[in-house]
C-alpha atoms as a PDB file:
ATOM      1  CA  MET A   1       0.000   0.000   0.000  1.00  0.00           C
ATOM      2  CA  ALA A   2       2.788   2.307   0.856  1.00  0.00           C
ATOM      3  CA  GLU A   3       4.394   1.618  -2.475  1.00  0.00           C
ATOM      4  CA  ASP A   4       1.209   2.630  -4.335  1.00  0.00           C
ATOM      5  CA  ASN A   5       0.938   5.944  -2.535  1.00  0.00           C
ATOM      6  CA  ALA A   6       4.632   6.789  -3.049  1.00  0.00           C
ATOM      7  CA  TYR A   7       5.287   9.905  -5.152  1.00  0.00           C
ATOM      8  CA  ASN A   8       6.317   9.100  -8.716  1.00  0.00           C
ATOM      9  CA  SER A   9       8.860  11.673  -9.840  1.00  0.00           C
ATOM     10  CA  ASN A  10       8.504  10.676 -13.516  1.00  0.00           C
ATOM     11  CA  LEU A  11       4.989  12.083 -13.804  1.00  0.00           C
ATOM     12  CA  THR A  12       4.547  15.175 -15.998  1.00  0.00           C
ATOM     13  CA  LEU A  13       2.557  18.239 -15.097  1.00  0.00           C
ATOM     14  CA  ASP A  14      -0.296  17.038 -17.328  1.00  0.00           C
ATOM     15  CA  GLU A  15      -0.304  13.637 -15.561  1.00  0.00           C
ATOM     16  CA  ILE A  16      -0.478  15.323 -12.178  1.00  0.00           C
ATOM     17  CA  VAL A  17      -3.260  17.754 -13.253  1.00  0.00           C
ATOM     18  CA  PHE A  18      -5.421  15.047 -14.861  1.00  0.00           C
ATOM     19  CA  GLU A  19      -4.758  12.376 -12.227  1.00  0.00           C
ATOM     20  CA  ASN A  20      -8.009  10.650 -11.189  1.00  0.00           C
ATOM     21  CA  ARG A  21      -9.838  12.559 -13.977  1.00  0.00           C
ATOM     22  CA  ASN A  22     -11.316  11.657 -17.336  1.00  0.00           C
ATOM     23  CA  LYS A  23      -8.272  11.659 -19.625  1.00  0.00           C
ATOM     24  CA  ALA A  24     -10.441  10.917 -22.634  1.00  0.00           C
ATOM     25  CA  TYR A  25     -11.526  14.528 -22.507  1.00  0.00           C
ATOM     26  CA  GLY A  26     -10.122  16.645 -25.327  1.00  0.00           C
ATOM     27  CA  ALA A  27      -8.220  19.016 -23.046  1.00  0.00           C
ATOM     28  CA  TYR A  28      -5.833  16.293 -21.912  1.00  0.00           C
ATOM     29  CA  ASP A  29      -5.084  15.236 -25.490  1.00  0.00           C
ATOM     30  CA  LEU A  30      -4.610  18.859 -26.588  1.00  0.00           C
ATOM     31  CA  ARG A  31      -2.147  19.578 -23.756  1.00  0.00           C
ATOM     32  CA  THR A  32      -0.295  16.340 -24.384  1.00  0.00           C
ATOM     33  CA  ASN A  33       0.264  17.022 -28.166  1.00  0.00           C
ATOM     34  CA  TYR A  34       0.752  20.810 -27.818  1.00  0.00           C
ATOM     35  CA  ARG A  35       4.563  20.838 -28.246  1.00  0.00           C
ATOM     36  CA  TYR A  36       4.477  18.494 -31.230  1.00  0.00           C
ATOM     37  CA  VAL A  37       1.769  20.510 -32.998  1.00  0.00           C
ATOM     38  CA  LEU A  38       3.562  23.799 -32.246  1.00  0.00           C
ATOM     39  CA  THR A  39       6.889  22.480 -33.578  1.00  0.00           C
ATOM     40  CA  LYS A  40       5.268  21.098 -36.705  1.00  0.00           C
ATOM     41  CA  SER A  41       3.418  24.399 -37.358  1.00  0.00           C
ATOM     42  CA  PHE A  42       6.598  26.426 -36.903  1.00  0.00           C
ATOM     43  CA  ILE A  43       8.560  24.263 -39.358  1.00  0.00           C
ATOM     44  CA  PHE A  44       5.749  24.299 -41.927  1.00  0.00           C
ATOM     45  CA  GLY A  45       5.314  28.102 -41.614  1.00  0.00           C
ATOM     46  CA  THR A  46       9.053  28.686 -41.977  1.00  0.00           C
ATOM     47  CA  ILE A  47       9.175  26.556 -45.166  1.00  0.00           C
ATOM     48  CA  LEU A  48       6.152  28.397 -46.610  1.00  0.00           C
ATOM     49  CA  PHE A  49       7.733  31.816 -45.872  1.00  0.00           C
ATOM     50  CA  LEU A  50      11.021  30.837 -47.509  1.00  0.00           C
ATOM     51  CA  VAL A  51       9.206  29.555 -50.608  1.00  0.00           C
ATOM     52  CA  ALA A  52       7.198  32.802 -50.912  1.00  0.00           C
ATOM     53  CA  ALA A  53      10.288  34.970 -50.386  1.00  0.00           C
ATOM     54  CA  LEU A  54      12.604  33.111 -52.785  1.00  0.00           C
ATOM     55  CA  THR A  55      10.121  32.522 -55.628  1.00  0.00           C
ATOM     56  CA  PRO A  56      10.517  36.054 -57.243  1.00  0.00           C
ATOM     57  CA  PHE A  57      14.319  35.758 -57.196  1.00  0.00           C
ATOM     58  CA  VAL A  58      14.177  32.313 -58.805  1.00  0.00           C
ATOM     59  CA  ILE A  59      11.784  33.564 -61.513  1.00  0.00           C
ATOM     60  CA  MET A  60      13.994  36.624 -62.166  1.00  0.00           C
ATOM     61  CA  LYS A  61      17.093  34.411 -62.431  1.00  0.00           C
ATOM     62  CA  ILE A  62      15.350  32.105 -64.913  1.00  0.00           C
ATOM     63  CA  GLN A  63      14.276  35.083 -67.050  1.00  0.00           C
ATOM     64  CA  GLU A  64      17.833  36.468 -67.075  1.00  0.00           C
ATOM     65  CA  MET A  65      19.191  33.077 -68.161  1.00  0.00           C
ATOM     66  CA  ASN A  66      16.622  32.818 -70.981  1.00  0.00           C
ATOM     67  CA  ALA A  67      16.886  36.443 -72.121  1.00  0.00           C
ATOM     68  CA  LYS A  68      18.797  37.122 -75.362  1.00  0.00           C
ATOM     69  CA  GLU A  69      22.008  39.039 -75.128  1.00  0.00           C
ATOM     70  CA  SER A  70      21.307  42.678 -76.039  1.00  0.00           C
ATOM     71  CA  THR A  71      23.785  44.672 -78.035  1.00  0.00           C
ATOM     72  CA  GLU A  72      24.328  48.159 -76.703  1.00  0.00           C
ATOM     73  CA  VAL A  73      25.303  50.878 -79.144  1.00  0.00           C
ATOM     74  CA  ASN A  74      27.091  53.850 -77.697  1.00  0.00           C
ATOM     75  CA  ALA A  75      26.437  56.706 -80.102  1.00  0.00           C
ATOM     76  CA  ASN A  76      28.037  59.800 -78.700  1.00  0.00           C
ATOM     77  CA  LEU A  77      27.271  62.835 -80.810  1.00  0.00           C
ATOM     78  CA  ILE A  78      29.911  65.456 -80.806  1.00  0.00           C
ATOM     79  CA  ASP A  79      29.481  69.030 -81.751  1.00  0.00           C
ATOM     80  CA  ILE A  80      28.904  69.620 -85.414  1.00  0.00           C
ATOM     81  CA  ILE A  81      32.177  70.415 -87.046  1.00  0.00           C
ATOM     82  CA  GLU A  82      31.803  73.666 -88.833  1.00  0.00           C
ATOM     83  CA  GLU A  83      33.432  73.570 -92.201  1.00  0.00           C
ATOM     84  CA  GLU A  84      34.450  76.500 -94.209  1.00  0.00           C
ATOM     85  CA  PRO A  85      31.936  77.449 -96.883  1.00  0.00           C
ATOM     86  CA  ILE A  86      32.689  76.175-100.322  1.00  0.00           C
ATOM     87  CA  ILE A  87      34.250  78.960-102.330  1.00  0.00           C
ATOM     88  CA  GLU A  88      34.430  78.602-106.045  1.00  0.00           C
ATOM     89  CA  GLU A  89      37.832  79.043-107.509  1.00  0.00           C
ATOM     90  CA  ILE A  90      38.323  82.351-109.202  1.00  0.00           C
ATOM     91  CA  LYS A  91      39.346  81.865-112.760  1.00  0.00           C
ATOM     92  CA  GLU A  92      42.459  83.633-113.845  1.00  0.00           C
ATOM     93  CA  GLU A  93      41.728  86.736-115.759  1.00  0.00           C
ATOM     94  CA  GLU A  94      42.279  86.236-119.449  1.00  0.00           C
ATOM     95  CA  PRO A  95      44.379  88.857-121.222  1.00  0.00           C
ATOM     96  CA  PRO A  96      42.241  91.510-122.872  1.00  0.00           C
ATOM     97  CA  PRO A  97      41.634  91.016-126.581  1.00  0.00           C
ATOM     98  CA  PRO A  98      43.792  93.062-128.925  1.00  0.00           C
ATOM     99  CA  PRO A  99      42.313  96.422-129.875  1.00  0.00           C
ATOM    100  CA  PRO A 100      40.432  96.457-133.153  1.00  0.00           C
ATOM    101  CA  PRO A 101      42.197  97.965-136.136  1.00  0.00           C
ATOM    102  CA  PRO A 102      41.555 101.652-136.618  1.00  0.00           C
ATOM    103  CA  LYS A 103      38.387 102.228-138.512  1.00  0.00           C
ATOM    104  CA  GLU A 104      38.841 104.143-141.693  1.00  0.00           C
ATOM    105  CA  GLU A 105      36.431 106.974-141.921  1.00  0.00           C
ATOM    106  CA  PRO A 106      34.414 106.843-145.114  1.00  0.00           C
ATOM    107  CA  GLN A 107      35.287 109.452-147.655  1.00  0.00           C
ATOM    108  CA  GLN A 108      32.792 112.182-148.235  1.00  0.00           C
ATOM    109  CA  GLU A 109      31.067 112.106-151.578  1.00  0.00           C
ATOM    110  CA  ILE A 110      31.707 115.149-153.763  1.00  0.00           C
ATOM    111  CA  ILE A 111      30.149 115.905-157.107  1.00  0.00           C
ATOM    112  CA  GLN A 112      31.919 118.132-159.530  1.00  0.00           C
ATOM    113  CA  ASN A 113      30.528 121.610-159.862  1.00  0.00           C
ATOM    114  CA  VAL A 114      32.848 123.713-162.049  1.00  0.00           C
ATOM    115  CA  VAL A 115      31.618 126.895-163.572  1.00  0.00           C
ATOM    116  CA  PRO A 116      32.983 126.917-167.130  1.00  0.00           C
ATOM    117  CA  GLU A 117      35.048 129.871-168.112  1.00  0.00           C
ATOM    118  CA  PRO A 118      33.718 131.809-171.037  1.00  0.00           C
ATOM    119  CA  VAL A 119      35.721 130.729-174.041  1.00  0.00           C
ATOM    120  CA  LYS A 120      34.958 130.675-177.621  1.00  0.00           C
ATOM    121  CA  ALA A 121      35.000 126.976-178.187  1.00  0.00           C
ATOM    122  CA  PRO A 122      35.578 124.912-175.064  1.00  0.00           C
ATOM    123  CA  LYS A 123      36.559 121.359-175.750  1.00  0.00           C
ATOM    124  CA  VAL A 124      35.060 119.736-172.619  1.00  0.00           C
ATOM    125  CA  GLU A 125      32.344 121.285-170.588  1.00  0.00           C
ATOM    126  CA  THR A 126      30.733 119.640-167.579  1.00  0.00           C
ATOM    127  CA  PRO A 127      27.293 121.032-166.923  1.00  0.00           C
ATOM    128  CA  PRO A 128      26.535 121.824-163.276  1.00  0.00           C
ATOM    129  CA  PRO A 129      24.376 119.232-161.454  1.00  0.00           C
ATOM    130  CA  PRO A 130      20.775 120.076-160.725  1.00  0.00           C
ATOM    131  CA  ILE A 131      19.890 121.806-157.485  1.00  0.00           C
ATOM    132  CA  THR A 132      18.287 118.638-156.051  1.00  0.00           C
ATOM    133  CA  LYS A 133      21.580 116.765-156.439  1.00  0.00           C
ATOM    134  CA  GLN A 134      23.552 119.612-154.901  1.00  0.00           C
ATOM    135  CA  LEU A 135      21.344 119.528-151.805  1.00  0.00           C
ATOM    136  CA  GLU A 136      21.985 115.789-151.325  1.00  0.00           C
ATOM    137  CA  THR A 137      25.765 116.043-150.888  1.00  0.00           C
ATOM    138  CA  THR A 138      28.796 118.346-150.996  1.00  0.00           C
ATOM    139  CA  THR A 139      29.961 120.029-154.180  1.00  0.00           C
ATOM    140  CA  GLY A 140      33.572 120.402-155.303  1.00  0.00           C
ATOM    141  CA  LEU A 141      35.916 120.757-158.268  1.00  0.00           C
ATOM    142  CA  VAL A 142      36.162 116.999-158.997  1.00  0.00           C
ATOM    143  CA  ASN A 143      33.882 113.975-158.609  1.00  0.00           C
ATOM    144  CA  GLN A 144      34.619 111.621-155.710  1.00  0.00           C
ATOM    145  CA  GLU A 145      32.709 108.555-154.569  1.00  0.00           C
ATOM    146  CA  GLY A 146      31.893 108.164-150.866  1.00  0.00           C
ATOM    147  CA  VAL A 147      29.245 108.750-148.216  1.00  0.00           C
ATOM    148  CA  LYS A 148      26.709 111.399-149.017  1.00  0.00           C
ATOM    149  CA  THR A 149      26.855 114.361-146.652  1.00  0.00           C
ATOM    150  CA  PRO A 150      24.092 116.866-147.348  1.00  0.00           C
ATOM    151  CA  THR A 151      25.193 120.460-147.044  1.00  0.00           C
ATOM    152  CA  TYR A 152      21.737 121.553-145.983  1.00  0.00           C
ATOM    153  CA  ALA A 153      20.272 120.298-142.727  1.00  0.00           C
ATOM    154  CA  PRO A 154      16.799 121.281-141.642  1.00  0.00           C
ATOM    155  CA  PRO A 155      16.646 123.271-138.408  1.00  0.00           C
ATOM    156  CA  PRO A 156      15.788 121.275-135.260  1.00  0.00           C
ATOM    157  CA  PRO A 157      12.204 121.491-134.057  1.00  0.00           C
ATOM    158  CA  PRO A 158      11.497 123.999-131.297  1.00  0.00           C
ATOM    159  CA  PRO A 159      11.553 122.586-127.774  1.00  0.00           C
ATOM    160  CA  GLY A 160       8.167 121.511-126.513  1.00  0.00           C
ATOM    161  CA  PRO A 161       6.604 122.345-123.147  1.00  0.00           C
ATOM    162  CA  THR A 162       6.939 118.769-121.819  1.00  0.00           C
ATOM    163  CA  ARG A 163       9.743 117.740-119.478  1.00  0.00           C
ATOM    164  CA  SER A 164      12.002 114.761-120.110  1.00  0.00           C
ATOM    165  CA  THR A 165      12.200 112.360-117.179  1.00  0.00           C
ATOM    166  CA  THR A 166      14.506 109.393-116.679  1.00  0.00           C
ATOM    167  CA  VAL A 167      12.818 106.217-115.456  1.00  0.00           C
ATOM    168  CA  GLU A 168      14.986 103.501-113.914  1.00  0.00           C
ATOM    169  CA  VAL A 169      13.867 100.088-115.115  1.00  0.00           C
ATOM    170  CA  LYS A 170      14.714  97.247-112.748  1.00  0.00           C
ATOM    171  CA  PRO A 171      15.233  93.767-114.180  1.00  0.00           C
ATOM    172  CA  GLN A 172      12.362  91.342-113.741  1.00  0.00           C
ATOM    173  CA  VAL A 173      12.757  88.654-111.034  1.00  0.00           C
ATOM    174  CA  SER A 174      11.427  85.152-111.749  1.00  0.00           C
ATOM    175  CA  GLU A 175       9.019  83.636-109.210  1.00  0.00           C
ATOM    176  CA  THR A 176       9.823  80.032-110.203  1.00  0.00           C
ATOM    177  CA  GLN A 177      13.568  80.071-110.844  1.00  0.00           C
ATOM    178  CA  VAL A 178      15.839  78.784-108.040  1.00  0.00           C
ATOM    179  CA  TYR A 179      18.735  81.235-107.540  1.00  0.00           C
ATOM    180  CA  THR A 180      22.192  80.418-106.153  1.00  0.00           C
ATOM    181  CA  GLU A 181      23.471  84.002-106.148  1.00  0.00           C
ATOM    182  CA  VAL A 182      21.339  86.722-104.558  1.00  0.00           C
ATOM    183  CA  GLU A 183      21.760  90.188-103.120  1.00  0.00           C
ATOM    184  CA  GLN A 184      20.401  89.240 -99.668  1.00  0.00           C
ATOM    185  CA  LEU A 185      20.878  85.660 -98.388  1.00  0.00           C
ATOM    186  CA  ALA A 186      18.137  83.600 -96.771  1.00  0.00           C
ATOM    187  CA  GLU A 187      18.447  83.627 -92.961  1.00  0.00           C
ATOM    188  CA  PHE A 188      17.202  81.252 -90.223  1.00  0.00           C
ATOM    189  CA  PRO A 189      15.712  82.831 -87.050  1.00  0.00           C
ATOM    190  CA  GLY A 190      18.612  83.181 -84.629  1.00  0.00           C
ATOM    191  CA  GLY A 191      21.261  82.675 -87.311  1.00  0.00           C
ATOM    192  CA  ILE A 192      22.938  79.649 -88.887  1.00  0.00           C
ATOM    193  CA  ASN A 193      24.351  78.488 -85.518  1.00  0.00           C
ATOM    194  CA  SER A 194      20.807  78.180 -84.173  1.00  0.00           C
ATOM    195  CA  PHE A 195      19.888  76.021 -87.178  1.00  0.00           C
ATOM    196  CA  ARG A 196      22.942  73.793 -86.657  1.00  0.00           C
ATOM    197  CA  SER A 197      22.027  73.370 -82.970  1.00  0.00           C
ATOM    198  CA  LYS A 198      18.482  72.272 -83.860  1.00  0.00           C
ATOM    199  CA  VAL A 199      19.847  69.743 -86.356  1.00  0.00           C
ATOM    200  CA  GLN A 200      22.214  68.327 -83.710  1.00  0.00           C
ATOM    201  CA  ASN A 201      19.519  68.057 -81.014  1.00  0.00           C
ATOM    202  CA  SER A 202      16.951  66.472 -83.365  1.00  0.00           C
ATOM    203  CA  PHE A 203      19.338  63.925 -84.946  1.00  0.00           C
ATOM    204  CA  ASP A 204      18.519  60.318 -83.879  1.00  0.00           C
ATOM    205  CA  GLY A 205      21.845  58.527 -83.496  1.00  0.00           C
ATOM    206  CA  SER A 206      20.195  55.135 -82.839  1.00  0.00           C
ATOM    207  CA  VAL A 207      19.768  54.597 -86.584  1.00  0.00           C
ATOM    208  CA  MET A 208      23.557  54.184 -86.869  1.00  0.00           C
ATOM    209  CA  ASP A 209      25.487  51.055 -85.879  1.00  0.00           C
ATOM    210  CA  GLY A 210      27.804  53.061 -83.644  1.00  0.00           C
ATOM    211  CA  ASP A 211      31.153  52.165 -85.196  1.00  0.00           C
ATOM    212  CA  GLU A 212      31.131  54.331 -88.328  1.00  0.00           C
ATOM    213  CA  GLY A 213      33.551  56.910 -86.940  1.00  0.00           C
ATOM    214  CA  THR A 214      33.389  60.301 -88.670  1.00  0.00           C
ATOM    215  CA  VAL A 215      30.553  60.570 -91.214  1.00  0.00           C
ATOM    216  CA  ARG A 216      30.105  63.534 -93.593  1.00  0.00           C
ATOM    217  CA  THR A 217      27.405  64.713 -95.948  1.00  0.00           C
ATOM    218  CA  GLU A 218      26.205  67.922 -97.612  1.00  0.00           C
ATOM    219  CA  ILE A 219      22.576  68.955 -97.178  1.00  0.00           C
ATOM    220  CA  THR A 220      20.884  71.093 -99.842  1.00  0.00           C
ATOM    221  CA  PHE A 221      17.366  72.473 -99.829  1.00  0.00           C
ATOM    222  CA  VAL A 222      15.356  75.305-101.390  1.00  0.00           C
ATOM    223  CA  VAL A 223      14.167  78.218 -99.221  1.00  0.00           C
ATOM    224  CA  GLU A 224      10.865  79.226-100.816  1.00  0.00           C
ATOM    225  CA  ARG A 225       9.580  82.787-101.175  1.00  0.00           C
ATOM    226  CA  ASP A 226       7.302  82.281 -98.116  1.00  0.00           C
ATOM    227  CA  GLY A 227      10.166  81.033 -95.887  1.00  0.00           C
ATOM    228  CA  THR A 228       9.374  77.287 -96.019  1.00  0.00           C
ATOM    229  CA  ILE A 229      11.936  74.707 -97.181  1.00  0.00           C
ATOM    230  CA  THR A 230      11.480  72.121 -99.952  1.00  0.00           C
ATOM    231  CA  ASP A 231      13.533  69.704-102.057  1.00  0.00           C
ATOM    232  CA  VAL A 232      15.732  68.518 -99.135  1.00  0.00           C
ATOM    233  CA  LYS A 233      18.641  66.321-100.302  1.00  0.00           C
ATOM    234  CA  ALA A 234      21.842  64.828 -98.832  1.00  0.00           C
ATOM    235  CA  ASN A 235      24.709  63.551-100.981  1.00  0.00           C
ATOM    236  CA  GLY A 236      26.939  61.736 -98.446  1.00  0.00           C
ATOM    237  CA  SER A 237      28.284  58.196 -98.837  1.00  0.00           C
ATOM    238  CA  ASN A 238      26.362  56.704 -95.854  1.00  0.00           C
ATOM    239  CA  ARG A 239      22.744  56.020 -96.822  1.00  0.00           C
ATOM    240  CA  ASP A 240      21.408  55.776 -93.230  1.00  0.00           C
ATOM    241  CA  PHE A 241      23.139  59.027 -92.261  1.00  0.00           C
ATOM    242  CA  ASN A 242      21.718  60.781 -95.340  1.00  0.00           C
ATOM    243  CA  ALA A 243      18.176  59.570 -94.599  1.00  0.00           C
ATOM    244  CA  GLU A 244      18.310  60.693 -90.954  1.00  0.00           C
ATOM    245  CA  ALA A 245      19.807  64.070 -91.953  1.00  0.00           C
ATOM    246  CA  ILE A 246      16.932  64.649 -94.430  1.00  0.00           C
ATOM    247  CA  ARG A 247      14.353  63.652 -91.787  1.00  0.00           C
ATOM    248  CA  THR A 248      15.940  65.955 -89.214  1.00  0.00           C
ATOM    249  CA  VAL A 249      15.948  68.997 -91.520  1.00  0.00           C
ATOM    250  CA  LYS A 250      12.320  68.391 -92.543  1.00  0.00           C
ATOM    251  CA  SER A 251      11.277  68.169 -88.874  1.00  0.00           C
ATOM    252  CA  ILE A 252      12.430  71.754 -88.170  1.00  0.00           C
ATOM    253  CA  LYS A 253       9.297  73.837 -88.804  1.00  0.00           C
ATOM    254  CA  ASN A 254      10.717  77.325 -88.225  1.00  0.00           C
ATOM    255  CA  LYS A 255      10.298  79.582 -91.249  1.00  0.00           C
ATOM    256  CA  TRP A 256      13.311  81.274 -92.841  1.00  0.00           C
ATOM    257  CA  ALA A 257      13.621  84.870 -93.973  1.00  0.00           C
ATOM    258  CA  PRO A 258      13.649  84.447 -97.794  1.00  0.00           C
ATOM    259  CA  ALA A 259      16.491  85.588-100.027  1.00  0.00           C
ATOM    260  CA  LYS A 260      15.953  88.791-102.015  1.00  0.00           C
ATOM    261  CA  ILE A 261      16.980  90.343-105.325  1.00  0.00           C
ATOM    262  CA  ASN A 262      16.115  94.011-105.907  1.00  0.00           C
ATOM    263  CA  GLY A 263      14.071  93.865-102.709  1.00  0.00           C
ATOM    264  CA  GLN A 264      11.893  91.020-104.043  1.00  0.00           C
ATOM    265  CA  ALA A 265      11.732  87.580-102.370  1.00  0.00           C
ATOM    266  CA  VAL A 266      13.086  84.747-104.551  1.00  0.00           C
ATOM    267  CA  ARG A 267      13.619  80.986-104.281  1.00  0.00           C
ATOM    268  CA  TYR A 268      17.139  80.229-103.037  1.00  0.00           C
ATOM    269  CA  ARG A 269      19.122  76.967-102.851  1.00  0.00           C
ATOM    270  CA  PHE A 270      20.906  76.654 -99.507  1.00  0.00           C
ATOM    271  CA  ARG A 271      23.933  74.374 -98.971  1.00  0.00           C
ATOM    272  CA  MET A 272      25.265  73.214 -95.565  1.00  0.00           C
ATOM    273  CA  PRO A 273      28.018  70.624 -94.858  1.00  0.00           C
ATOM    274  CA  LEU A 274      27.265  68.288 -91.908  1.00  0.00           C
ATOM    275  CA  THR A 275      29.830  66.137 -90.034  1.00  0.00           C
ATOM    276  CA  MET A 276      29.207  63.834 -87.039  1.00  0.00           C
ATOM    277  CA  GLN A 277      31.280  61.205 -85.231  1.00  0.00           C
ATOM    278  CA  PHE A 278      30.048  57.839 -83.911  1.00  0.00           C
ATOM    279  CA  GLU A 279      32.105  55.644 -81.585  1.00  0.00           C
END
């Protein structure tokens, strides 16, 4: 009997609390399995958190492995190199032509008009010419062929009451012809440097491969009489550079001040060299 009532030191707290009670009750089972359920929940929650946290990094890594290698083009535009304007070579002056030979003045026509001396029997007698012939030219002692110079000239008419005025006639300027030489050049608002700056800022360097180095072209276009530009062309050796240069110039909508001849606006062909470097 004494052995049955002896204190058993191996009993747990749950065994002591539920001693002589109904252990089939759910509270005893819940307290008995509490540590196991808590440990299992902690491990399962930790695994779920790690899966949720690492999934985006795994997906990103897979996308980077499957992504195609992209080729980066470093197109650094430098300032537009200003080139000196094209100046046509001045032809050497040819020696002046030799002076023309002296012009011989035409001889004056003279008809013979000799008054015969009174003799008894003259052998040769030249009758004087009629008055109408004498008025047509100059008379003399012998006949001579030449230019007729009348000795009688009618008096000039009396001056009239009207005044003589001098009217300056200016040459006509064509409205359709494209001029290359004018009195007043076409001008962009802000000057040519402003136009070059707009071309540089609007040029899309991504159309180039990036390893062309220095590329040159010459842009030509017509400044119309209303200040708009037409007929834009580029004659460089690089086709992509030419196409982008033409697109850039056409995209600039500012109107020019037209060129003028005699104060009248005319169509003018403008030329501008363009140089860029790609590395």
